[in-house]
Amino acid sequence: MNSLGTVPVGGHSPVRVMGIINASPESFYKKSVFTEKRAIAKTAKQMEEDGADFIDIGGMSTAPYLKTLVSENKEIERITNAVEAVQKVSRLPISIDTCRASVAEAALDLGVEIINDISGLKYDRDMPRILDEYRPSVVVCSYSKKLVTGNQIIQARNLLHESIAIAKKAHIINNKIVVDPAVGFFRRRAMGRFFTKIDSDWLKRDVLVLQNLRLIKDGHPLLVSVSRKSFVGNLLNEPNPEKRLYGSLAAETICVLNGADIIRTHNVKATRDAIKIAQRLGNFRKGL
């Protein structure tokens, strides 16, 4: 059985919800940012009550259209502060959204169970060594340091295969690996460093990928993160992330119907409700 942390995922398990807590003031959706321990703890407790299965903590924004780089020490400080706050009020598995081995190690030392690496373990050469030492569950995203051309569905799957191979070489067993097609991170150009360069339209790429999730997951549980992103904003012609809730819920519902196993979201209660309806009406899972 596949699992992320202690939670079964994929197969006949219900679709899971991963709530987002950003400890990074530079993050694009300001209402997801919490830096004080009391606020972080309150948010985590509410997410658990609202039906979250995991809490994903980020200490540095990786939005490709923003300059958001911070030092590794700053990211570690933010992550440590947030993890300690969450652990005091919740027993939900914690995921850390980072590409940096030193940050992952600091979090794993605190008992974190999941590493969510948007670079697919390819950014920091020390990341596989840390994974080998601690053996957490991992979420790997489609990512390349080189220009990606051609069929984007095939490329997304191939890039994930590369990351799965890295994880397995680090002795992460197959049923602790979850894949993510990296919606929003494939661009012609970007201000940040955590993106994959393509020579085609990024919005068309993401639409195509989300329409073909079952071809990309290739037997692995699949996580999708579209909540409030510029992907939704472009489809709605809505520049303000605070006004993208309904579009996000619609996109998340379609992702569930197309095969997503985990939805990473800022909107836990609303997303949980949408997933319940999608699962019941879709009549394709036994988890309800």
Protein backbone atom coordinates (compact mmCIF):
# COMPACT_ATOMS: atom_id res chain seq x y z
CA MET A 1 0.00 0.00 0.00
CA ASN A 2 1.25 3.48 -0.89
CA SER A 3 1.49 6.02 1.89
CA LEU A 4 2.59 9.58 2.49
CA GLY A 5 3.83 9.71 6.03
CA THR A 6 1.44 7.46 7.93
CA VAL A 7 -1.53 8.14 5.62
CA PRO A 8 -2.48 5.67 2.86
CA VAL A 9 -2.73 7.38 -0.54
CA GLY A 10 -3.75 6.34 -4.04
CA GLY A 11 -5.48 3.14 -5.03
CA HIS A 12 -8.77 2.72 -3.17
CA SER A 13 -7.91 5.35 -0.56
CA PRO A 14 -10.02 8.52 -0.59
CA VAL A 15 -8.55 11.64 -2.15
CA ARG A 16 -6.45 13.37 0.49
CA VAL A 17 -6.12 17.07 1.32
CA MET A 18 -2.83 18.78 2.10
CA GLY A 19 -3.21 22.16 3.78
CA ILE A 20 -0.64 24.87 3.03
CA ILE A 21 1.03 27.00 5.69
CA ASN A 22 3.57 29.48 4.36
CA ALA A 23 6.12 30.78 6.85
CA SER A 24 7.50 32.93 4.03
CA PRO A 25 6.27 36.55 3.92
CA GLU A 26 7.23 36.74 0.23
CA SER A 27 4.65 34.10 -0.78
CA PHE A 28 2.21 35.17 -3.48
CA TYR A 29 -0.98 34.55 -1.46
CA LYS A 30 -0.61 36.69 1.63
CA LYS A 31 -3.50 35.10 3.53
CA SER A 32 -1.54 31.84 3.59
CA VAL A 33 1.39 33.50 5.39
CA PHE A 34 1.81 32.92 9.13
CA THR A 35 5.04 33.77 10.92
CA GLU A 36 4.10 33.87 14.61
CA LYS A 37 3.87 30.56 16.44
CA ARG A 38 0.45 31.30 17.90
CA ALA A 39 -1.02 32.04 14.45
CA ILE A 40 0.66 28.99 12.93
CA ALA A 41 -0.69 26.73 15.66
CA LYS A 42 -4.20 28.16 15.35
CA THR A 43 -4.16 27.67 11.58
CA ALA A 44 -2.87 24.10 11.83
CA LYS A 45 -5.52 23.17 14.39
CA GLN A 46 -8.24 24.66 12.19
CA MET A 47 -6.93 22.77 9.15
CA GLU A 48 -7.10 19.51 11.09
CA GLU A 49 -10.66 20.25 12.19
CA ASP A 50 -11.56 21.11 8.59
CA GLY A 51 -10.41 17.72 7.34
CA ALA A 52 -6.78 18.10 6.27
CA ASP A 53 -4.77 14.88 6.07
CA PHE A 54 -1.36 16.61 5.99
CA ILE A 55 0.09 20.06 6.62
CA ASP A 56 2.65 21.36 4.13
CA ILE A 57 5.01 24.03 5.47
CA GLY A 58 7.08 26.29 3.26
CA GLY A 59 9.89 28.52 4.44
CA MET A 60 10.69 30.15 1.10
CA SER A 61 8.39 30.94 -1.79
CA THR A 62 9.32 29.27 -5.08
CA ALA A 63 6.85 31.18 -7.27
CA PRO A 64 8.74 31.48 -10.58
CA TYR A 65 7.52 35.00 -11.33
CA LEU A 66 8.85 36.48 -8.07
CA LYS A 67 12.32 37.15 -6.65
CA THR A 68 12.01 35.19 -3.44
CA LEU A 69 15.40 33.66 -2.66
CA VAL A 70 16.36 33.71 1.03
CA SER A 71 19.36 32.23 2.82
CA GLU A 72 19.32 28.61 3.91
CA ASN A 73 19.66 29.73 7.53
CA LYS A 74 16.58 31.93 7.20
CA GLU A 75 14.61 29.11 5.61
CA ILE A 76 15.67 26.73 8.40
CA GLU A 77 14.68 29.28 11.05
CA ARG A 78 11.24 29.72 9.52
CA ILE A 79 10.68 25.99 9.07
CA THR A 80 11.81 25.12 12.58
CA ASN A 81 9.56 27.75 14.11
CA ALA A 82 6.55 26.53 12.13
CA VAL A 83 7.12 22.81 12.68
CA GLU A 84 7.43 23.26 16.44
CA ALA A 85 4.21 25.29 16.50
CA VAL A 86 2.26 22.71 14.50
CA GLN A 87 3.53 19.75 16.51
CA LYS A 88 2.20 21.29 19.72
CA VAL A 89 -1.40 21.24 18.49
CA SER A 90 -1.66 18.58 15.79
CA ARG A 91 -0.58 15.02 15.05
CA LEU A 92 -1.11 15.34 11.32
CA PRO A 93 1.90 14.31 9.21
CA ILE A 94 3.96 17.36 8.27
CA SER A 95 5.38 17.93 4.81
CA ILE A 96 8.21 20.37 4.19
CA ASP A 97 8.25 22.22 0.88
CA THR A 98 11.95 22.67 0.17
CA CYS A 99 14.64 21.98 -2.44
CA ARG A 100 17.50 22.36 0.03
CA ALA A 101 19.13 19.43 1.80
CA SER A 102 20.08 21.41 4.91
CA VAL A 103 16.48 22.55 5.37
CA ALA A 104 15.18 19.04 4.85
CA GLU A 105 17.65 17.70 7.40
CA ALA A 106 16.65 20.28 10.01
CA ALA A 107 12.99 19.38 9.54
CA LEU A 108 13.60 15.63 9.60
CA ASP A 109 15.54 16.04 12.85
CA LEU A 110 12.32 17.45 14.32
CA GLY A 111 10.36 14.36 13.27
CA VAL A 112 8.88 15.58 9.98
CA GLU A 113 7.75 12.65 7.83
CA ILE A 114 7.51 14.08 4.30
CA ILE A 115 9.80 16.08 2.01
CA ASN A 116 8.09 17.89 -0.87
CA ASP A 117 10.78 18.90 -3.38
CA ILE A 118 9.59 20.95 -6.35
CA SER A 119 12.91 20.28 -8.08
CA GLY A 120 12.31 16.54 -8.03
CA LEU A 121 15.50 16.03 -5.92
CA LYS A 122 17.59 17.61 -8.70
CA TYR A 123 18.43 21.06 -7.31
CA ASP A 124 20.61 20.16 -4.32
CA ARG A 125 23.09 17.34 -4.87
CA ASP A 126 23.06 16.60 -1.13
CA MET A 127 19.32 15.93 -0.99
CA PRO A 128 19.58 12.20 -1.91
CA ARG A 129 22.13 11.69 0.86
CA ILE A 130 19.77 13.21 3.43
CA LEU A 131 16.89 11.09 2.16
CA ASP A 132 19.04 7.99 2.39
CA GLU A 133 19.82 8.79 6.02
CA TYR A 134 16.26 9.49 7.18
CA ARG A 135 14.10 7.56 4.65
CA PRO A 136 11.04 9.88 4.70
CA SER A 137 8.16 9.85 2.26
CA VAL A 138 8.82 12.14 -0.70
CA VAL A 139 6.85 14.18 -3.19
CA VAL A 140 8.79 14.69 -6.41
CA CYS A 141 7.84 17.25 -9.04
CA SER A 142 8.52 17.38 -12.76
CA TYR A 143 11.65 19.51 -13.10
CA SER A 144 14.63 19.99 -15.37
CA LYS A 145 17.67 22.24 -15.27
CA LYS A 146 17.68 22.15 -19.08
CA LEU A 147 15.24 23.42 -21.71
CA VAL A 148 12.32 21.02 -22.14
CA THR A 149 10.78 20.73 -25.60
CA GLY A 150 8.36 18.44 -27.37
CA ASN A 151 5.27 16.69 -26.02
CA GLN A 152 4.78 18.08 -22.53
CA ILE A 153 2.84 15.08 -21.24
CA ILE A 154 5.62 12.71 -22.21
CA GLN A 155 8.22 15.13 -20.86
CA ALA A 156 6.42 15.50 -17.52
CA ARG A 157 6.32 11.73 -17.15
CA ASN A 158 9.95 11.31 -18.18
CA LEU A 159 11.14 13.96 -15.73
CA LEU A 160 9.20 12.27 -12.95
CA HIS A 161 10.80 8.95 -13.85
CA GLU A 162 14.21 10.59 -13.40
CA SER A 163 13.25 11.83 -9.94
CA ILE A 164 11.76 8.48 -8.94
CA ALA A 165 15.06 6.86 -9.91
CA ILE A 166 16.96 9.35 -7.72
CA ALA A 167 14.65 8.58 -4.79
CA LYS A 168 15.03 4.83 -5.21
CA LYS A 169 18.81 5.15 -5.43
CA ALA A 170 18.56 6.89 -2.05
CA HIS A 171 16.68 3.79 -0.79
CA ILE A 172 13.26 5.42 -0.65
CA ILE A 173 10.89 2.53 -1.27
CA ASN A 174 8.46 2.80 -4.17
CA ASN A 175 5.33 3.01 -2.03
CA LYS A 176 6.63 6.13 -0.23
CA ILE A 177 6.98 8.16 -3.46
CA VAL A 178 4.27 10.57 -4.69
CA VAL A 179 4.51 12.49 -7.97
CA ASP A 180 3.50 16.07 -8.85
CA PRO A 181 3.30 17.48 -12.43
CA ALA A 182 4.45 20.92 -11.20
CA VAL A 183 1.64 23.18 -12.36
CA GLY A 184 2.92 26.74 -12.77
CA PHE A 185 6.63 25.89 -12.78
CA PHE A 186 7.18 25.43 -16.53
CA ARG A 187 7.87 28.86 -18.10
CA ARG A 188 9.57 30.55 -21.04
CA ARG A 189 11.27 32.88 -18.56
CA ALA A 190 11.09 33.60 -14.85
CA MET A 191 12.52 35.82 -12.13
CA GLY A 192 13.15 32.99 -9.68
CA ARG A 193 15.47 30.03 -10.11
CA PHE A 194 13.06 27.20 -9.31
CA PHE A 195 11.39 26.66 -12.67
CA THR A 196 11.75 24.55 -15.80
CA LYS A 197 12.36 26.43 -19.04
CA ILE A 198 10.13 25.56 -22.01
CA ASP A 199 9.79 27.05 -25.49
CA SER A 200 5.98 26.89 -25.54
CA ASP A 201 3.08 28.57 -23.76
CA TRP A 202 3.08 27.68 -20.06
CA LEU A 203 -0.68 27.97 -19.65
CA LYS A 204 -1.37 25.56 -22.52
CA ARG A 205 1.17 23.19 -20.99
CA ASP A 206 -0.56 23.18 -17.63
CA VAL A 207 -4.04 22.75 -19.13
CA LEU A 208 -2.83 19.80 -21.19
CA VAL A 209 -1.13 18.19 -18.20
CA LEU A 210 -4.18 18.51 -15.95
CA GLN A 211 -6.38 17.02 -18.65
CA ASN A 212 -4.09 13.98 -18.82
CA LEU A 213 -3.14 13.26 -15.21
CA ARG A 214 -3.68 9.51 -15.53
CA LEU A 215 -1.07 9.35 -18.29
CA ILE A 216 1.42 11.19 -16.09
CA LYS A 217 0.98 9.43 -12.75
CA ASP A 218 2.03 6.11 -14.30
CA GLY A 219 1.12 3.97 -11.31
CA HIS A 220 2.17 6.37 -8.56
CA PRO A 221 -0.11 8.42 -6.29
CA LEU A 222 -0.34 11.92 -7.73
CA LEU A 223 -0.48 15.26 -5.93
CA VAL A 224 -1.77 18.41 -7.64
CA SER A 225 -1.38 21.99 -6.44
CA VAL A 226 -3.41 24.61 -8.31
CA SER A 227 -4.87 26.56 -5.39
CA ARG A 228 -5.06 30.31 -6.12
CA LYS A 229 -2.17 30.02 -8.60
CA SER A 230 -1.58 32.20 -11.65
CA PHE A 231 -2.84 29.23 -13.69
CA VAL A 232 -6.31 29.87 -12.25
CA GLY A 233 -5.84 33.63 -12.44
CA ASN A 234 -5.06 33.50 -16.16
CA LEU A 235 -8.07 31.33 -16.96
CA LEU A 236 -10.31 33.73 -15.02
CA ASN A 237 -8.50 36.92 -16.01
CA GLU A 238 -8.23 37.59 -12.28
CA PRO A 239 -4.90 39.04 -11.06
CA ASN A 240 -5.83 38.98 -7.36
CA PRO A 241 -5.19 35.59 -5.67
CA GLU A 242 -7.81 36.44 -3.03
CA LYS A 243 -10.50 36.30 -5.74
CA ARG A 244 -9.52 32.90 -7.15
CA LEU A 245 -11.28 30.61 -4.66
CA TYR A 246 -14.11 29.42 -6.90
CA GLY A 247 -11.83 28.90 -9.86
CA SER A 248 -9.45 26.94 -7.63
CA LEU A 249 -12.26 24.69 -6.40
CA ALA A 250 -13.41 24.02 -9.96
CA ALA A 251 -9.86 23.16 -11.06
CA GLU A 252 -9.33 20.92 -8.02
CA THR A 253 -12.58 19.09 -8.69
CA ILE A 254 -11.57 18.41 -12.30
CA CYS A 255 -8.17 17.19 -11.08
CA VAL A 256 -9.89 14.69 -8.77
CA LEU A 257 -12.07 13.42 -11.62
CA ASN A 258 -8.96 13.15 -13.80
CA GLY A 259 -7.08 11.01 -11.29
CA ALA A 260 -5.45 13.20 -8.62
CA ASP A 261 -4.95 11.41 -5.30
CA ILE A 262 -3.90 14.40 -3.16
CA ILE A 263 -4.92 18.04 -3.48
CA ARG A 264 -2.57 20.59 -1.95
CA THR A 265 -4.57 23.69 -1.10
CA HIS A 266 -4.91 26.93 0.85
CA ASN A 267 -8.65 26.27 1.27
CA VAL A 268 -8.96 23.08 3.29
CA LYS A 269 -12.67 23.14 4.24
CA ALA A 270 -13.90 24.27 0.83
CA THR A 271 -11.62 21.85 -0.99
CA ARG A 272 -12.65 18.95 1.27
CA ASP A 273 -16.32 19.65 0.50
CA ALA A 274 -15.64 19.82 -3.25
CA ILE A 275 -13.72 16.55 -3.15
CA LYS A 276 -16.52 14.78 -1.26
CA ILE A 277 -19.00 15.73 -3.96
CA ALA A 278 -16.60 14.84 -6.78
CA GLN A 279 -15.93 11.41 -5.26
CA ARG A 280 -19.58 10.66 -4.60
CA LEU A 281 -20.83 11.75 -8.01
CA GLY A 282 -17.80 10.39 -9.82
CA ASN A 283 -18.47 6.98 -8.23
CA PHE A 284 -14.93 5.78 -8.79
CA ARG A 285 -13.46 5.37 -5.30
CA LYS A 286 -14.31 3.13 -2.35
CA GLY A 287 -13.01 5.50 0.28
CA LEU A 288 -16.31 7.21 1.08
